[in-house]
Amino acid sequence: MKRSPLLFLLAAIACAAPESSVVDISPEQFLSNPHQAAVVLDVRSAEEFASGHVPGAVNVPHDELASRLGELDAGFDETVIVYCESGRRAGMASSILQEAGYAEVRHLAGDMKAWRENARPIAGR
């Protein structure tokens, strides 16, 4: 029996992971309303965090996040803004947060790299 390529395509779509609902927040939006976030989460290593971070951020490395969710001072309906150095780790952390039930996960567009390049305020150095 010959199988239709369309059947395989439909099956692949049905089995695909749901599209991420993480929305970017620009640094300008963040700086114009810094109290919007319940938590600003830096998911870089402790060493990277110590070398400079977004003011008010808390540090939980992405590879420790799943086991340290209890340390976040945010309810599941509060906004959590996530960033790393360039975006890869922030994406992984965002998925962990969403799977844990956090509904308002945002990604700081450009991450720390762009934050630094645009001479925005940096704490911890």
C-alpha atoms as a PDB file:
ATOM      1  CA  MET A   1       0.000   0.000   0.000  1.00  0.00           C
ATOM      2  CA  LYS A   2       1.415   3.338  -1.087  1.00  0.00           C
ATOM      3  CA  ARG A   3       1.458   6.033   1.607  1.00  0.00           C
ATOM      4  CA  SER A   4       0.729   9.629   0.785  1.00  0.00           C
ATOM      5  CA  PRO A   5       3.435  12.234   1.511  1.00  0.00           C
ATOM      6  CA  LEU A   6       0.618  14.453   2.763  1.00  0.00           C
ATOM      7  CA  LEU A   7      -0.211  11.862   5.424  1.00  0.00           C
ATOM      8  CA  PHE A   8       3.387  11.952   6.669  1.00  0.00           C
ATOM      9  CA  LEU A   9       3.371  15.758   6.696  1.00  0.00           C
ATOM     10  CA  LEU A  10       0.155  15.872   8.714  1.00  0.00           C
ATOM     11  CA  ALA A  11       1.514  13.324  11.170  1.00  0.00           C
ATOM     12  CA  ALA A  12       4.709  15.337  11.596  1.00  0.00           C
ATOM     13  CA  ILE A  13       2.744  18.511  12.265  1.00  0.00           C
ATOM     14  CA  ALA A  14       0.534  16.760  14.800  1.00  0.00           C
ATOM     15  CA  CYS A  15       3.575  15.417  16.659  1.00  0.00           C
ATOM     16  CA  ALA A  16       5.593  18.629  16.545  1.00  0.00           C
ATOM     17  CA  ALA A  17       6.247  20.532  19.731  1.00  0.00           C
ATOM     18  CA  PRO A  18       3.952  23.476  20.278  1.00  0.00           C
ATOM     19  CA  GLU A  19       5.299  26.794  19.106  1.00  0.00           C
ATOM     20  CA  SER A  20       6.898  28.827  21.854  1.00  0.00           C
ATOM     21  CA  SER A  21       4.793  31.646  23.201  1.00  0.00           C
ATOM     22  CA  VAL A  22       7.777  33.553  24.577  1.00  0.00           C
ATOM     23  CA  VAL A  23       7.576  37.170  23.502  1.00  0.00           C
ATOM     24  CA  ASP A  24      10.594  39.423  23.182  1.00  0.00           C
ATOM     25  CA  ILE A  25      10.735  42.590  25.221  1.00  0.00           C
ATOM     26  CA  SER A  26      13.073  45.252  23.927  1.00  0.00           C
ATOM     27  CA  PRO A  27      15.601  46.847  26.241  1.00  0.00           C
ATOM     28  CA  GLU A  28      13.809  50.158  25.645  1.00  0.00           C
ATOM     29  CA  GLN A  29      10.488  48.681  26.795  1.00  0.00           C
ATOM     30  CA  PHE A  30      12.175  47.154  29.810  1.00  0.00           C
ATOM     31  CA  LEU A  31      13.990  50.360  30.790  1.00  0.00           C
ATOM     32  CA  SER A  32      10.869  52.484  30.371  1.00  0.00           C
ATOM     33  CA  ASN A  33       8.986  50.277  32.849  1.00  0.00           C
ATOM     34  CA  PRO A  34      11.529  48.385  34.988  1.00  0.00           C
ATOM     35  CA  HIS A  35       8.918  47.332  37.529  1.00  0.00           C
ATOM     36  CA  GLN A  36       6.950  45.403  34.914  1.00  0.00           C
ATOM     37  CA  ALA A  37       8.884  42.241  35.685  1.00  0.00           C
ATOM     38  CA  ALA A  38       8.404  40.246  38.835  1.00  0.00           C
ATOM     39  CA  VAL A  39      11.782  38.671  38.121  1.00  0.00           C
ATOM     40  CA  VAL A  40      14.591  39.492  35.721  1.00  0.00           C
ATOM     41  CA  LEU A  41      16.402  36.200  35.326  1.00  0.00           C
ATOM     42  CA  ASP A  42      20.005  35.962  34.139  1.00  0.00           C
ATOM     43  CA  VAL A  43      20.643  32.338  33.177  1.00  0.00           C
ATOM     44  CA  ARG A  44      24.371  32.699  32.495  1.00  0.00           C
ATOM     45  CA  SER A  45      27.013  31.161  34.753  1.00  0.00           C
ATOM     46  CA  ALA A  46      27.754  32.689  38.157  1.00  0.00           C
ATOM     47  CA  GLU A  47      31.080  33.955  36.806  1.00  0.00           C
ATOM     48  CA  GLU A  48      29.423  35.683  33.846  1.00  0.00           C
ATOM     49  CA  PHE A  49      26.820  37.201  36.165  1.00  0.00           C
ATOM     50  CA  ALA A  50      29.531  38.524  38.513  1.00  0.00           C
ATOM     51  CA  SER A  51      31.288  40.223  35.602  1.00  0.00           C
ATOM     52  CA  GLY A  52      28.224  42.397  34.990  1.00  0.00           C
ATOM     53  CA  HIS A  53      24.469  41.989  34.682  1.00  0.00           C
ATOM     54  CA  VAL A  54      21.214  43.845  34.155  1.00  0.00           C
ATOM     55  CA  PRO A  55      20.463  45.818  37.335  1.00  0.00           C
ATOM     56  CA  GLY A  56      18.017  43.955  39.561  1.00  0.00           C
ATOM     57  CA  ALA A  57      18.565  40.597  37.874  1.00  0.00           C
ATOM     58  CA  VAL A  58      18.837  37.340  39.788  1.00  0.00           C
ATOM     59  CA  ASN A  59      21.148  34.593  38.643  1.00  0.00           C
ATOM     60  CA  VAL A  60      20.148  30.979  38.199  1.00  0.00           C
ATOM     61  CA  PRO A  61      22.267  29.257  35.529  1.00  0.00           C
ATOM     62  CA  HIS A  62      20.167  27.612  32.824  1.00  0.00           C
ATOM     63  CA  ASP A  63      21.489  24.146  33.635  1.00  0.00           C
ATOM     64  CA  GLU A  64      20.396  24.504  37.279  1.00  0.00           C
ATOM     65  CA  LEU A  65      17.048  26.191  36.664  1.00  0.00           C
ATOM     66  CA  ALA A  66      14.805  23.108  36.763  1.00  0.00           C
ATOM     67  CA  SER A  67      16.068  22.163  40.220  1.00  0.00           C
ATOM     68  CA  ARG A  68      16.091  25.746  41.543  1.00  0.00           C
ATOM     69  CA  LEU A  69      12.669  27.031  40.427  1.00  0.00           C
ATOM     70  CA  GLY A  70      11.686  27.466  44.077  1.00  0.00           C
ATOM     71  CA  GLU A  71      14.242  30.269  44.342  1.00  0.00           C
ATOM     72  CA  LEU A  72      12.329  32.469  41.910  1.00  0.00           C
ATOM     73  CA  ASP A  73      10.323  35.088  43.719  1.00  0.00           C
ATOM     74  CA  ALA A  74       7.507  35.038  41.180  1.00  0.00           C
ATOM     75  CA  GLY A  75       4.080  33.508  40.957  1.00  0.00           C
ATOM     76  CA  PHE A  76       3.072  31.506  37.926  1.00  0.00           C
ATOM     77  CA  ASP A  77       1.008  34.452  36.633  1.00  0.00           C
ATOM     78  CA  GLU A  78       3.773  37.044  37.052  1.00  0.00           C
ATOM     79  CA  THR A  79       6.171  38.130  34.332  1.00  0.00           C
ATOM     80  CA  VAL A  80       9.648  36.623  34.190  1.00  0.00           C
ATOM     81  CA  ILE A  81      12.128  38.257  31.800  1.00  0.00           C
ATOM     82  CA  VAL A  82      14.934  35.896  30.802  1.00  0.00           C
ATOM     83  CA  TYR A  83      18.286  36.641  29.201  1.00  0.00           C
ATOM     84  CA  CYS A  84      21.720  35.102  28.731  1.00  0.00           C
ATOM     85  CA  GLU A  85      24.692  36.222  26.631  1.00  0.00           C
ATOM     86  CA  SER A  86      23.309  35.652  23.155  1.00  0.00           C
ATOM     87  CA  GLY A  87      19.946  33.865  23.417  1.00  0.00           C
ATOM     88  CA  ARG A  88      20.552  30.111  23.284  1.00  0.00           C
ATOM     89  CA  ARG A  89      20.491  29.484  27.038  1.00  0.00           C
ATOM     90  CA  ALA A  90      17.611  31.927  27.497  1.00  0.00           C
ATOM     91  CA  GLY A  91      15.594  29.840  25.032  1.00  0.00           C
ATOM     92  CA  MET A  92      16.249  26.664  26.990  1.00  0.00           C
ATOM     93  CA  ALA A  93      15.401  28.411  30.268  1.00  0.00           C
ATOM     94  CA  SER A  94      12.191  29.841  28.798  1.00  0.00           C
ATOM     95  CA  SER A  95      11.068  26.335  27.875  1.00  0.00           C
ATOM     96  CA  ILE A  96      11.780  25.107  31.411  1.00  0.00           C
ATOM     97  CA  LEU A  97       9.783  28.002  32.872  1.00  0.00           C
ATOM     98  CA  GLN A  98       6.829  27.398  30.570  1.00  0.00           C
ATOM     99  CA  GLU A  99       6.826  23.671  31.255  1.00  0.00           C
ATOM    100  CA  ALA A 100       6.822  24.473  34.986  1.00  0.00           C
ATOM    101  CA  GLY A 101       3.705  26.607  34.527  1.00  0.00           C
ATOM    102  CA  TYR A 102       4.980  30.174  34.258  1.00  0.00           C
ATOM    103  CA  ALA A 103       2.562  31.858  31.870  1.00  0.00           C
ATOM    104  CA  GLU A 104       4.250  35.235  31.359  1.00  0.00           C
ATOM    105  CA  VAL A 105       7.764  34.447  30.155  1.00  0.00           C
ATOM    106  CA  ARG A 106       9.513  37.159  28.147  1.00  0.00           C
ATOM    107  CA  HIS A 107      12.915  37.215  26.477  1.00  0.00           C
ATOM    108  CA  LEU A 108      15.118  40.312  26.713  1.00  0.00           C
ATOM    109  CA  ALA A 109      15.825  40.988  23.047  1.00  0.00           C
ATOM    110  CA  GLY A 110      19.525  41.026  22.224  1.00  0.00           C
ATOM    111  CA  ASP A 111      20.455  39.510  25.582  1.00  0.00           C
ATOM    112  CA  MET A 112      23.483  40.727  27.555  1.00  0.00           C
ATOM    113  CA  LYS A 113      25.624  41.094  24.447  1.00  0.00           C
ATOM    114  CA  ALA A 114      23.384  43.812  22.980  1.00  0.00           C
ATOM    115  CA  TRP A 115      22.753  45.318  26.421  1.00  0.00           C
ATOM    116  CA  ARG A 116      26.495  45.837  26.855  1.00  0.00           C
ATOM    117  CA  GLU A 117      27.108  46.998  23.251  1.00  0.00           C
ATOM    118  CA  ASN A 118      24.477  49.701  23.662  1.00  0.00           C
ATOM    119  CA  ALA A 119      26.044  51.019  26.893  1.00  0.00           C
ATOM    120  CA  ARG A 120      23.009  50.287  29.030  1.00  0.00           C
ATOM    121  CA  PRO A 121      23.378  50.288  32.841  1.00  0.00           C
ATOM    122  CA  ILE A 122      25.318  47.325  34.210  1.00  0.00           C
ATOM    123  CA  ALA A 123      25.442  46.176  37.831  1.00  0.00           C
ATOM    124  CA  GLY A 124      27.959  43.943  39.546  1.00  0.00           C
ATOM    125  CA  ARG A 125      31.255  45.026  38.069  1.00  0.00           C
END
